[in-house]
Protein backbone atom coordinates (compact mmCIF):
# COMPACT_ATOMS: atom_id res chain seq x y z
CA UNK A 1 85.94 138.77 -13.32
CA UNK A 2 87.50 138.93 -16.78
CA UNK A 3 87.60 142.45 -18.22
CA UNK A 4 85.61 143.35 -21.40
CA UNK A 5 87.33 142.10 -24.55
CA UNK A 6 88.69 144.05 -27.46
CA UNK A 7 90.11 142.77 -30.71
CA UNK A 8 93.73 143.59 -31.45
CA UNK A 9 94.87 144.07 -35.03
CA UNK A 10 98.24 143.04 -36.37
CA UNK A 11 100.33 140.36 -38.03
CA UNK A 12 101.02 136.89 -36.67
CA UNK A 13 103.94 137.99 -34.52
CA UNK A 14 102.51 141.37 -33.65
CA UNK A 15 98.95 140.56 -32.60
CA UNK A 16 96.07 138.92 -34.47
CA UNK A 17 93.62 140.67 -36.72
CA UNK A 18 90.08 141.29 -35.51
CA UNK A 19 87.40 138.78 -36.52
CA UNK A 20 85.04 139.73 -39.32
CA UNK A 21 82.02 139.10 -37.12
CA UNK A 22 81.45 139.53 -33.37
CA UNK A 23 82.65 136.58 -31.30
CA UNK A 24 79.85 137.34 -28.83
CA UNK A 25 77.45 135.67 -31.26
CA UNK A 26 79.48 132.49 -31.57
CA UNK A 27 79.08 129.37 -29.47
CA UNK A 28 82.15 128.93 -27.28
CA UNK A 29 83.76 126.96 -24.50
CA UNK A 30 86.41 127.72 -21.89
CA UNK A 31 89.70 125.89 -21.67
CA UNK A 32 90.74 128.11 -18.76
CA UNK A 33 88.50 130.38 -16.70
CA UNK A 34 90.16 132.94 -14.46
CA UNK A 35 92.83 130.34 -13.71
CA UNK A 36 95.82 131.45 -11.69
CA UNK A 37 99.02 131.32 -13.74
CA UNK A 38 102.61 131.62 -12.56
CA UNK A 39 105.86 132.33 -14.41
CA UNK A 40 108.19 129.36 -14.04
CA UNK A 41 111.75 129.42 -15.40
CA UNK A 42 112.15 127.26 -18.51
CA UNK A 43 115.32 125.77 -20.04
CA UNK A 44 115.18 128.28 -22.91
CA UNK A 45 115.41 131.18 -20.46
CA UNK A 46 111.76 132.19 -20.70
CA UNK A 47 109.32 132.44 -17.80
CA UNK A 48 105.95 130.88 -18.45
CA UNK A 49 102.92 128.85 -17.43
CA UNK A 50 102.65 125.92 -19.83
CA UNK A 51 99.42 124.06 -20.67
CA UNK A 52 99.97 120.82 -22.60
CA UNK A 53 97.40 119.64 -25.14
CA UNK A 54 98.80 116.47 -26.71
CA UNK A 55 97.23 113.05 -26.35
CA UNK A 56 93.91 113.29 -24.53
CA UNK A 57 94.90 116.36 -22.54
CA UNK A 58 93.11 118.79 -24.88
CA UNK A 59 89.97 116.62 -24.96
CA UNK A 60 89.96 116.12 -21.19
CA UNK A 61 90.28 119.84 -20.57
CA UNK A 62 87.46 120.56 -23.01
CA UNK A 63 85.26 117.98 -21.27
CA UNK A 64 85.91 118.88 -17.66
CA UNK A 65 86.53 122.62 -17.92
CA UNK A 66 84.53 123.48 -21.01
CA UNK A 67 81.70 121.03 -20.33
CA UNK A 68 81.86 119.53 -23.84
CA UNK A 69 80.01 116.22 -24.13
CA UNK A 70 79.54 115.95 -27.91
CA UNK A 71 81.97 113.22 -29.01
CA UNK A 72 82.10 114.51 -32.59
CA UNK A 73 83.31 117.90 -31.36
CA UNK A 74 85.84 116.34 -29.02
CA UNK A 75 87.30 114.25 -31.84
CA UNK A 76 87.98 117.39 -33.88
CA UNK A 77 90.38 118.52 -31.13
CA UNK A 78 92.60 115.50 -31.74
CA UNK A 79 94.50 117.04 -34.67
CA UNK A 80 95.28 120.41 -36.19
CA UNK A 81 93.03 120.10 -39.23
CA UNK A 82 90.07 119.20 -37.03
CA UNK A 83 90.80 122.09 -34.69
CA UNK A 84 90.77 124.59 -37.56
CA UNK A 85 87.54 123.05 -38.86
CA UNK A 86 85.89 123.53 -35.45
CA UNK A 87 87.40 126.72 -34.03
CA UNK A 88 86.99 130.18 -35.53
CA UNK A 89 89.11 132.04 -33.00
CA UNK A 90 90.71 131.91 -29.57
CA UNK A 91 90.12 134.59 -26.97
CA UNK A 92 92.99 135.22 -24.55
CA UNK A 93 92.83 137.50 -21.52
CA UNK A 94 95.43 137.83 -18.81
CA UNK A 95 95.46 140.05 -15.77
CA UNK A 96 98.68 140.23 -13.78
CA UNK A 97 98.86 140.99 -10.09
CA UNK A 98 101.47 143.74 -10.32
CA UNK A 99 100.04 147.22 -10.74
CA UNK A 100 102.22 148.01 -13.74
CA UNK A 101 100.68 145.16 -15.76
CA UNK A 102 103.89 144.36 -17.62
CA UNK A 103 103.01 142.90 -21.06
CA UNK A 104 102.77 139.15 -21.46
CA UNK A 105 102.64 136.84 -24.47
CA UNK A 106 100.36 134.01 -25.47
CA UNK A 107 102.14 131.11 -27.18
CA UNK A 108 100.55 128.39 -29.28
CA UNK A 109 102.60 125.42 -30.51
CA UNK A 110 101.60 122.58 -32.78
CA UNK A 111 103.69 119.42 -32.91
CA UNK A 112 104.99 118.55 -36.38
CA UNK A 113 104.73 115.27 -38.25
CA UNK A 114 108.34 115.24 -39.44
CA UNK A 115 110.12 116.49 -36.32
CA UNK A 116 107.72 116.80 -33.43
CA UNK A 117 109.13 119.86 -31.69
CA UNK A 118 110.64 121.60 -34.71
CA UNK A 119 108.37 121.55 -37.77
CA UNK A 120 105.01 122.58 -36.30
CA UNK A 121 103.61 126.10 -36.13
CA UNK A 122 104.74 128.34 -33.28
CA UNK A 123 102.78 131.53 -32.65
CA UNK A 124 103.68 134.19 -30.08
CA UNK A 125 101.05 136.89 -29.57
CA UNK A 126 101.48 139.95 -27.33
CA UNK A 127 98.62 140.26 -24.84
CA UNK A 128 97.80 143.21 -22.57
CA UNK A 129 98.10 142.29 -18.91
CA UNK A 130 95.09 144.30 -17.73
CA UNK A 131 92.40 141.71 -18.54
CA UNK A 132 91.64 142.95 -22.06
CA UNK A 133 90.82 140.04 -24.36
CA UNK A 134 92.87 139.48 -27.53
CA UNK A 135 91.22 137.52 -30.34
CA UNK A 136 93.39 135.10 -32.33
CA UNK A 137 91.54 134.29 -35.59
CA UNK A 138 92.73 130.94 -36.86
CA UNK A 139 92.17 131.47 -40.58
CA UNK A 140 94.35 134.60 -40.51
CA UNK A 141 97.45 132.75 -39.27
CA UNK A 142 100.21 131.18 -41.37
CA UNK A 143 100.04 127.49 -40.40
CA UNK A 144 102.82 125.03 -41.17
CA UNK A 145 101.94 122.32 -43.69
CA UNK A 146 103.64 119.87 -41.33
CA UNK A 147 101.27 120.54 -38.40
CA UNK A 148 100.08 117.28 -36.85
CA UNK A 149 98.47 117.80 -33.43
CA UNK A 150 98.02 120.69 -30.99
CA UNK A 151 101.02 120.58 -28.66
CA UNK A 152 100.81 123.20 -25.96
CA UNK A 153 99.83 126.72 -24.97
CA UNK A 154 101.82 129.00 -22.73
CA UNK A 155 101.46 132.36 -21.00
CA UNK A 156 104.89 134.05 -20.99
CA UNK A 157 105.88 136.72 -18.48
CA UNK A 158 108.79 139.13 -18.24
CA UNK A 159 110.12 137.74 -14.97
CA UNK A 160 110.14 134.57 -12.89
CA UNK A 161 107.48 134.23 -10.20
CA UNK A 162 105.02 136.68 -11.79
CA UNK A 163 101.39 135.83 -11.04
CA UNK A 164 98.18 136.50 -12.87
CA UNK A 165 94.85 135.06 -13.93
CA UNK A 166 94.12 133.80 -17.43
CA UNK A 167 90.97 132.99 -19.37
CA UNK A 168 91.16 131.07 -22.67
CA UNK A 169 87.97 130.82 -24.76
CA UNK A 170 87.50 128.86 -27.99
CA UNK A 171 84.92 130.47 -30.30
CA UNK A 172 83.43 127.98 -32.77
CA UNK A 173 82.78 128.21 -36.47
CA UNK A 174 79.23 128.44 -37.84
CA UNK A 175 77.40 125.14 -37.59
CA UNK A 176 78.90 124.07 -34.26
CA UNK A 177 77.09 124.57 -30.96
CA UNK A 178 78.03 123.72 -27.37
CA UNK A 179 76.18 124.33 -24.13
CA UNK A 180 77.24 127.45 -22.29
CA UNK A 181 78.76 127.00 -18.82
CA UNK A 182 77.73 129.49 -16.19
CA UNK A 183 80.25 130.80 -13.61
CA UNK A 184 79.93 129.17 -10.19
CA UNK A 185 79.52 130.71 -6.76
CA UNK A 186 82.68 130.83 -4.62
CA UNK A 187 83.37 128.00 -2.19
CA UNK A 188 81.98 128.75 1.27
CA UNK A 189 84.79 127.58 3.54
CA UNK A 190 82.85 128.53 6.68
CA UNK A 191 79.73 126.51 5.93
CA UNK A 192 78.58 123.44 7.83
CA UNK A 193 78.60 121.56 4.53
CA UNK A 194 82.31 122.29 4.10
CA UNK A 195 83.05 121.03 7.60
CA UNK A 196 81.06 117.87 6.87
CA UNK A 197 83.13 117.38 3.71
CA UNK A 198 86.35 117.58 5.77
CA UNK A 199 85.00 115.02 8.23
CA UNK A 200 84.22 112.66 5.36
CA UNK A 201 87.88 112.68 4.34
CA UNK A 202 88.97 110.88 7.51
CA UNK A 203 89.24 107.36 6.13
CA UNK A 204 90.90 106.03 9.30
CA UNK A 205 91.85 107.80 12.53
CA UNK A 206 94.29 104.98 13.18
CA UNK A 207 96.43 104.32 16.19
CA UNK A 208 97.16 107.88 17.33
CA UNK A 209 100.08 106.99 19.63
CA UNK A 210 102.74 108.52 17.38
CA UNK A 211 100.78 111.48 16.04
CA UNK A 212 99.69 112.45 19.57
CA UNK A 213 103.33 112.29 20.63
CA UNK A 214 104.34 114.68 17.82
CA UNK A 215 101.53 117.08 18.72
CA UNK A 216 102.48 117.08 22.41
CA UNK A 217 106.12 117.60 21.47
CA UNK A 218 105.10 120.68 19.45
CA UNK A 219 103.01 122.01 22.32
CA UNK A 220 106.09 121.80 24.56
CA UNK A 221 107.95 124.06 22.13
CA UNK A 222 110.32 121.31 20.99
CA UNK A 223 111.49 120.97 17.39
CA UNK A 224 109.03 119.04 15.22
CA UNK A 225 109.60 118.26 11.53
CA UNK A 226 106.76 117.39 9.15
CA UNK A 227 107.84 115.68 5.92
CA UNK A 228 105.86 115.07 2.74
CA UNK A 229 106.81 112.63 -0.02
CA UNK A 230 104.77 111.99 -3.14
CA UNK A 231 104.25 113.00 -6.75
CA UNK A 232 103.43 116.27 -8.49
CA UNK A 233 100.49 117.12 -6.20
CA UNK A 234 102.84 116.99 -3.22
CA UNK A 235 105.34 119.03 -5.23
CA UNK A 236 102.54 121.59 -5.49
CA UNK A 237 101.46 121.35 -9.13
CA UNK A 238 98.43 123.54 -9.79
CA UNK A 239 99.14 125.75 -6.76
CA UNK A 240 100.07 129.36 -7.54
CA UNK A 241 102.56 130.26 -6.16
CA UNK A 242 103.68 126.69 -5.76
CA UNK A 243 105.77 127.16 -2.62
CA UNK A 244 103.10 128.80 -0.45
CA UNK A 245 99.77 127.53 -1.82
CA UNK A 246 100.50 123.79 -2.03
CA UNK A 247 98.58 121.48 0.29
CA UNK A 248 101.88 120.48 1.89
CA UNK A 249 102.84 124.01 2.85
CA UNK A 250 99.31 124.95 3.89
CA UNK A 251 98.85 121.85 6.10
CA UNK A 252 102.29 122.48 7.63
CA UNK A 253 101.04 125.99 8.47
CA UNK A 254 97.88 124.47 10.01
CA UNK A 255 100.00 122.32 12.30
CA UNK A 256 102.28 125.24 13.12
CA UNK A 257 99.35 127.53 13.98
CA UNK A 258 97.51 124.86 15.96
CA UNK A 259 100.39 123.56 18.08
CA UNK A 260 103.44 125.79 17.63
CA UNK A 261 104.66 128.00 20.44
CA UNK A 262 105.87 131.61 20.29
CA UNK A 263 105.46 131.94 16.55
CA UNK A 264 106.12 128.31 15.74
CA UNK A 265 109.70 128.61 14.51
CA UNK A 266 110.38 125.19 16.01
CA UNK A 267 108.02 123.54 13.49
CA UNK A 268 109.92 122.59 10.34
CA UNK A 269 108.90 121.55 6.82
CA UNK A 270 110.36 119.03 4.40
CA UNK A 271 108.53 118.81 1.07
CA UNK A 272 109.79 116.14 -1.33
CA UNK A 273 107.24 115.67 -4.09
CA UNK A 274 108.56 114.80 -7.57
CA UNK A 275 106.13 115.08 -10.48
CA UNK A 276 105.19 112.00 -12.47
CA UNK A 277 106.96 109.51 -10.22
CA UNK A 278 105.65 106.54 -8.18
CA UNK A 279 106.67 105.04 -4.85
CA UNK A 280 109.10 102.88 -6.86
CA UNK A 281 111.23 106.02 -7.18
CA UNK A 282 110.14 107.33 -3.76
CA UNK A 283 111.74 104.34 -2.03
CA UNK A 284 115.04 105.15 -3.80
CA UNK A 285 115.11 108.81 -2.83
CA UNK A 286 113.60 108.61 0.66
CA UNK A 287 116.93 108.79 2.50
CA UNK A 288 118.17 111.67 0.35
CA UNK A 289 115.03 113.78 0.02
CA UNK A 290 113.23 113.15 3.33
CA UNK A 291 115.94 112.13 5.79
CA UNK A 292 118.45 114.41 4.04
CA UNK A 293 121.07 111.67 4.17
CA UNK A 294 120.58 111.15 7.91
CA UNK A 295 120.66 114.78 9.00
CA UNK A 296 116.89 114.97 9.65
CA UNK A 297 114.55 112.74 11.65
CA UNK A 298 110.99 113.78 10.79
CA UNK A 299 108.32 113.41 13.47
CA UNK A 300 105.49 113.12 10.94
CA UNK A 301 105.73 111.67 7.42
CA UNK A 302 102.93 112.17 4.87
CA UNK A 303 102.96 109.67 1.98
CA UNK A 304 100.96 110.55 -1.15
CA UNK A 305 101.24 108.24 -4.16
CA UNK A 306 97.58 107.35 -4.75
CA UNK A 307 97.53 108.81 -8.27
CA UNK A 308 101.13 108.01 -9.20
CA UNK A 309 101.49 104.35 -8.43
CA UNK A 310 99.96 103.07 -11.65
CA UNK A 311 103.62 103.22 -12.72
CA UNK A 312 104.80 100.98 -9.85
CA UNK A 313 105.94 97.66 -11.31
CA UNK A 314 105.47 95.95 -7.94
CA UNK A 315 101.74 96.80 -7.56
CA UNK A 316 102.13 98.03 -4.00
CA UNK A 317 105.27 96.28 -2.73
CA UNK A 318 107.34 99.45 -3.11
CA UNK A 319 104.57 101.46 -1.43
CA UNK A 320 104.39 99.19 1.61
CA UNK A 321 108.19 99.06 1.73
CA UNK A 322 108.30 102.86 1.78
CA UNK A 323 105.71 103.00 4.56
CA UNK A 324 107.76 100.49 6.60
CA UNK A 325 110.98 102.41 5.93
CA UNK A 326 109.38 105.48 7.48
CA UNK A 327 107.75 103.63 10.39
CA UNK A 328 110.93 101.76 11.33
CA UNK A 329 113.02 104.87 12.06
CA UNK A 330 114.46 104.90 15.57
CA UNK A 331 112.54 108.08 16.50
CA UNK A 332 109.21 106.36 15.71
CA UNK A 333 107.61 108.98 13.42
CA UNK A 334 103.89 109.14 12.76
CA UNK A 335 103.05 108.09 9.20
CA UNK A 336 99.93 109.48 7.53
CA UNK A 337 98.67 108.09 4.22
CA UNK A 338 97.03 110.63 1.92
CA UNK A 339 94.92 109.64 -1.09
CA UNK A 340 94.51 112.37 -3.70
CA UNK A 341 92.30 111.96 -6.77
CA UNK A 342 92.26 112.78 -10.49
CA UNK A 343 89.48 114.66 -12.23
CA UNK A 344 88.09 111.39 -13.61
CA UNK A 345 87.50 110.25 -9.98
CA UNK A 346 90.33 107.71 -10.16
CA UNK A 347 92.99 106.79 -7.65
CA UNK A 348 94.61 103.64 -6.25
CA UNK A 349 93.06 103.86 -2.80
CA UNK A 350 91.62 100.34 -3.07
CA UNK A 351 95.13 98.95 -3.59
CA UNK A 352 96.99 101.12 -1.08
CA UNK A 353 94.56 101.73 1.81
CA UNK A 354 94.85 98.09 3.02
CA UNK A 355 98.46 98.91 3.90
CA UNK A 356 97.22 101.64 6.24
CA UNK A 357 94.59 99.38 7.73
CA UNK A 358 97.18 96.63 8.25
CA UNK A 359 99.31 98.91 10.42
CA UNK A 360 96.36 101.01 11.70
CA UNK A 361 97.71 104.28 10.31
CA UNK A 362 95.87 107.60 10.04
CA UNK A 363 94.54 107.94 6.49
CA UNK A 364 92.95 110.89 4.70
CA UNK A 365 91.03 110.38 1.44
CA UNK A 366 90.40 113.38 -0.78
CA UNK A 367 88.47 111.05 -3.07
CA UNK A 368 86.04 110.15 -0.27
CA UNK A 369 85.63 113.82 0.60
CA UNK A 370 84.86 115.32 -2.81
CA UNK A 371 83.85 112.84 -5.50
CA UNK A 372 80.27 112.07 -4.47
CA UNK A 373 79.37 115.73 -3.98
CA UNK A 374 80.86 116.65 -7.39
CA UNK A 375 77.71 115.17 -8.95
CA UNK A 376 75.25 117.16 -6.85
CA UNK A 377 73.81 120.49 -7.89
CA UNK A 378 74.80 123.75 -6.28
CA UNK A 379 72.36 124.27 -3.43
CA UNK A 380 71.64 120.54 -3.17
CA UNK A 381 74.82 119.50 -1.40
CA UNK A 382 77.67 120.42 -3.73
CA UNK A 383 80.35 122.31 -1.85
CA UNK A 384 83.01 122.57 -4.56
CA UNK A 385 82.78 121.73 -8.25
CA UNK A 386 85.34 119.93 -10.38
CA UNK A 387 86.14 123.17 -12.19
CA UNK A 388 86.83 124.81 -8.83
CA UNK A 389 88.84 121.92 -7.40
CA UNK A 390 90.98 120.97 -10.41
CA UNK A 391 93.52 123.14 -12.21
CA UNK A 392 93.81 120.52 -14.93
CA UNK A 393 92.79 116.88 -15.19
CA UNK A 394 95.43 115.83 -12.66
CA UNK A 395 96.20 118.66 -10.25
CA UNK A 396 94.24 120.80 -7.79
CA UNK A 397 93.74 124.54 -7.98
CA UNK A 398 94.59 126.74 -5.03
CA UNK A 399 91.08 125.95 -3.78
CA UNK A 400 91.77 122.23 -4.19
CA UNK A 401 95.09 122.44 -2.39
CA UNK A 402 93.40 124.42 0.39
CA UNK A 403 90.76 121.72 0.75
CA UNK A 404 93.42 119.01 0.93
CA UNK A 405 95.27 120.94 3.62
CA UNK A 406 92.04 121.51 5.54
CA UNK A 407 91.36 117.76 5.46
CA UNK A 408 94.76 117.17 7.07
CA UNK A 409 94.05 119.96 9.54
CA UNK A 410 90.85 118.12 10.46
CA UNK A 411 92.91 115.01 11.20
CA UNK A 412 95.27 117.06 13.39
CA UNK A 413 92.35 118.56 15.33
CA UNK A 414 90.57 115.22 15.79
CA UNK A 415 93.79 113.59 16.99
CA UNK A 416 94.50 116.42 19.40
CA UNK A 417 91.06 116.01 20.98
CA UNK A 418 91.17 112.23 21.18
CA UNK A 419 92.56 110.15 24.03
CA UNK A 420 96.05 108.82 23.34
CA UNK A 421 96.36 105.15 22.54
CA UNK A 422 98.27 103.29 25.30
CA UNK A 423 100.42 101.23 22.91
CA UNK A 424 102.36 101.95 19.73
CA UNK A 425 101.50 100.36 16.40
CA UNK A 426 102.94 96.95 15.55
CA UNK A 427 105.11 96.72 12.42
CA UNK A 428 106.94 93.49 13.23
CA UNK A 429 104.51 91.25 11.38
CA UNK A 430 104.12 89.85 7.85
CA UNK A 431 103.36 92.51 5.21
CA UNK A 432 99.98 92.66 3.52
CA UNK A 433 101.41 93.25 0.01
CA UNK A 434 105.17 92.93 0.36
CA UNK A 435 108.28 94.41 1.96
CA UNK A 436 111.00 93.43 -0.53
CA UNK A 437 112.35 96.96 -0.89
CA UNK A 438 112.64 97.95 2.77
CA UNK A 439 116.11 99.38 3.27
CA UNK A 440 116.58 100.62 -0.31
CA UNK A 441 119.46 103.07 -0.59
CA UNK A 442 120.53 105.43 -3.35
CA UNK A 443 123.75 104.83 -5.27
CA UNK A 444 125.01 107.59 -7.56
CA UNK A 445 128.25 109.20 -8.69
CA UNK A 446 128.73 110.87 -5.28
CA UNK A 447 128.88 107.68 -3.17
CA UNK A 448 129.47 104.79 -5.57
CA UNK A 449 133.09 104.06 -4.63
CA UNK A 450 132.09 102.71 -1.23
CA UNK A 451 129.30 100.54 -2.62
CA UNK A 452 130.21 99.18 -6.04
CA UNK A 453 132.99 98.87 -8.59
CA UNK A 454 132.17 100.99 -11.65
CA UNK A 455 133.84 101.40 -15.03
CA UNK A 456 131.77 104.17 -16.67
CA UNK A 457 133.00 103.56 -20.22
CA UNK A 458 131.55 106.27 -22.46
CA UNK A 459 129.10 107.36 -19.73
CA UNK A 460 131.48 110.00 -18.41
CA UNK A 461 129.57 113.25 -18.87
CA UNK A 462 127.26 114.79 -16.26
CA UNK A 463 123.78 115.77 -17.43
CA UNK A 464 122.67 119.18 -16.16
CA UNK A 465 119.32 119.29 -18.01
CA UNK A 466 117.33 117.55 -15.30
CA UNK A 467 113.85 117.42 -13.82
CA UNK A 468 113.48 120.42 -11.52
CA UNK A 469 111.52 120.22 -8.27
CA UNK A 470 110.49 122.89 -5.75
CA UNK A 471 111.57 121.35 -2.45
CA UNK A 472 110.45 122.48 1.02
CA UNK A 473 109.25 126.10 0.86
CA UNK A 474 111.52 127.05 -2.05
CA UNK A 475 110.06 129.02 -4.98
CA UNK A 476 112.86 127.74 -7.21
CA UNK A 477 113.54 124.30 -8.61
CA UNK A 478 116.27 121.91 -7.50
CA UNK A 479 117.70 119.48 -10.09
CA UNK A 480 116.95 115.83 -9.40
CA UNK A 481 119.81 113.29 -9.46
CA UNK A 482 122.57 115.74 -10.33
CA UNK A 483 125.30 113.14 -9.58
CA UNK A 484 124.65 111.13 -12.71
CA UNK A 485 126.46 109.39 -15.56
CA UNK A 486 125.68 110.52 -19.10
CA UNK A 487 126.55 109.05 -22.46
CA UNK A 488 126.81 112.23 -24.54
CA UNK A 489 127.21 110.50 -27.91
CA UNK A 490 130.59 112.09 -28.48
CA UNK A 491 133.12 109.92 -26.61
CA UNK A 492 132.87 106.44 -28.06
CA UNK A 493 130.40 103.67 -27.36
CA UNK A 494 131.96 101.75 -24.48
CA UNK A 495 129.38 100.33 -22.08
CA UNK A 496 128.85 101.29 -18.43
CA UNK A 497 129.84 98.37 -16.18
CA UNK A 498 129.10 97.94 -12.48
CA UNK A 499 129.79 95.12 -10.04
CA UNK A 500 127.66 95.22 -6.89
CA UNK A 501 126.64 92.85 -4.13
CA UNK A 502 122.92 93.18 -3.39
CA UNK A 503 119.59 91.39 -3.29
CA UNK A 504 117.66 93.94 -5.27
CA UNK A 505 118.55 96.66 -7.73
CA UNK A 506 116.61 99.44 -9.44
CA UNK A 507 117.90 101.64 -12.24
CA UNK A 508 116.89 105.30 -12.33
CA UNK A 509 117.30 106.88 -15.75
CA UNK A 510 116.25 110.10 -17.41
CA UNK A 511 113.23 110.35 -19.66
CA UNK A 512 113.43 113.07 -22.29
CA UNK A 513 111.38 114.50 -25.13
CA UNK A 514 114.53 115.53 -26.99
CA UNK A 515 115.26 113.79 -30.29
CA UNK A 516 118.98 113.49 -29.52
CA UNK A 517 118.29 110.98 -26.72
CA UNK A 518 118.32 107.29 -27.54
CA UNK A 519 117.57 103.93 -25.95
CA UNK A 520 119.90 101.71 -23.93
CA UNK A 521 120.12 97.97 -23.30
CA UNK A 522 120.58 96.70 -19.73
CA UNK A 523 122.32 93.38 -19.13
CA UNK A 524 122.62 91.62 -15.77
CA UNK A 525 125.09 88.75 -15.31
CA UNK A 526 125.38 88.32 -19.06
CA UNK A 527 121.59 88.15 -19.63
CA UNK A 528 119.54 90.84 -21.34
CA UNK A 529 117.36 92.27 -18.52
CA UNK A 530 115.43 95.00 -20.34
CA UNK A 531 115.66 98.05 -22.59
CA UNK A 532 115.31 101.62 -21.37
CA UNK A 533 113.58 104.02 -23.77
CA UNK A 534 113.69 107.67 -22.62
CA UNK A 535 110.84 108.54 -24.99
CA UNK A 536 108.19 106.34 -23.37
CA UNK A 537 107.21 109.26 -21.14
CA UNK A 538 108.73 111.86 -23.47
CA UNK A 539 109.45 114.69 -21.06
CA UNK A 540 112.35 115.45 -18.74
CA UNK A 541 111.57 113.21 -15.83
CA UNK A 542 113.03 110.50 -13.57
CA UNK A 543 112.12 106.88 -14.31
CA UNK A 544 112.83 103.91 -11.99
CA UNK A 545 112.79 100.28 -13.16
CA UNK A 546 113.65 97.00 -11.41
CA UNK A 547 116.69 95.13 -12.72
CA UNK A 548 116.51 92.20 -10.29
CA UNK A 549 114.76 91.13 -7.10
CA UNK A 550 116.25 88.13 -5.31
CA UNK A 551 115.87 86.75 -1.77
CA UNK A 552 119.62 86.51 -1.04
CA UNK A 553 122.40 89.02 -1.70
CA UNK A 554 125.11 88.02 -4.12
CA UNK A 555 127.51 89.68 -6.52
CA UNK A 556 126.00 90.88 -9.79
CA UNK A 557 127.52 92.40 -12.91
CA UNK A 558 125.45 95.09 -14.59
CA UNK A 559 126.17 96.42 -18.06
CA UNK A 560 124.42 99.34 -19.78
CA UNK A 561 125.12 100.08 -23.43
CA UNK A 562 123.47 102.13 -26.13
CA UNK A 563 121.01 100.24 -28.31
CA UNK A 564 121.99 99.37 -31.86
CA UNK A 565 122.00 102.48 -34.04
CA UNK A 566 121.76 104.80 -31.00
CA UNK A 567 125.47 105.20 -30.22
CA UNK A 568 125.54 108.83 -31.35
CA UNK A 569 122.59 109.72 -29.13
CA UNK A 570 122.45 110.54 -25.44
CA UNK A 571 121.37 108.52 -22.42
CA UNK A 572 121.59 109.42 -18.72
CA UNK A 573 121.92 107.01 -15.81
CA UNK A 574 120.60 109.07 -12.91
CA UNK A 575 121.45 106.49 -10.24
CA UNK A 576 120.49 103.16 -8.71
CA UNK A 577 118.50 101.94 -5.74
CA UNK A 578 119.91 98.87 -4.00
CA UNK A 579 119.04 96.60 -1.11
CA UNK A 580 122.06 94.99 0.54
């Protein structure tokens, strides 16, 4: 539990002054409650856990974690003036796992009206790491006149990989009241109700021919590789530490412990989740990130895009194409479809599950397992609450990741006990949504000479500030699409030109929140195809878009140039996906 709080006196950069009246008497709500936090390396050299507040993120956290239902209170969180009207003070307590309790800092950043990331208030408050609560009184801080909206909070640590728990409480000004939220009993993982929840996740056992074969192969002590491809949940977002508490790693351990021999060193993991990206990008990077450019042939492939594919322009064609890409490998891997869920109970299971039914694949639905029981009372059938399952509005906590892994472990156990199907699945049949992008390959700076003719023009630099992803069981991030072409805004304005023979082509470019990045125009065969704006998503991230989709391969000329007035800004072409 959180340690007793004490107020800490001091200036803005040396600790906040104590409130004039006891915060115990004030109505309050949690934005974090004993949440596990982890120090991740940031581009500025700091190590922190970041919590973003812009858009609806602050409101959603207040609703789902703090239990706020009053719309008038929620609206006050939308901007800085409303926040200061509502909130008297913020209580911050952090307890680190190391015995020395090295000091940490709490950071609060507002986004500015004039220059979003530069003109808003930035506060950095030292916080003891032993669980003592520090009180940040809002009226005692020097706020920028250019403050627009709350931007983010962060817990900063002295070193990468440090772990702790954090509680953030918002104490309200006089005249505002919210309902108190009581702490919840721990999840009982040994209960019959928990086992029933796992059973409910099995959306389809499917044709077990391939999964049984992988299990039997593992039992014989032969090498078996389990691969995972998906978005940020597969990457491990919300899990602390990310490389050992993610559902992917934990379910890999389940398989290893259930079927591995002599310690299970012959069971191997490939984890290839990339945050904020749909199957439209997954189909481009499958060969590189899962097959490792042909060096790996996974025996089991988990595909998890149920909460990412709202960004798929093809409405499921890329997803089915990715499934078929995996199924068609010459070693006949088992493919398992996994459907995660957001805190608002949403996913794209209704769109994507028909693909699994069409090919009779094993499917596991976290939505089916948890959503209905979220609305039951403790003691009346609720096994795990939303506050226990979700780290934020998108990602699971360690408990949520454990539950996801246990659902997959249930599938493994049920398959092991079942009789093997006599015949393999059939994939040589018409698709249910579409298969246009089967066979998509990645083209980038490292392999382009054998595929296309490229004149890079002013896109000659290589961008090193890239989206970082923790692959496999690595605690560190790996840059995505390092073999790129960047227009740095310093070497002229000549366009990037490529001639390629293909049926279909996707562009992968870098999104960025930086103000020195600008938009580009994309032309195909002399016709304006689309514009690419790196600020649509507004954080460092990989974005895939379709440039053309035709039934027959022919030669195409692609030109990418900076938009009018953006020649002195930057733009990064991360790569292309093509179908011959």
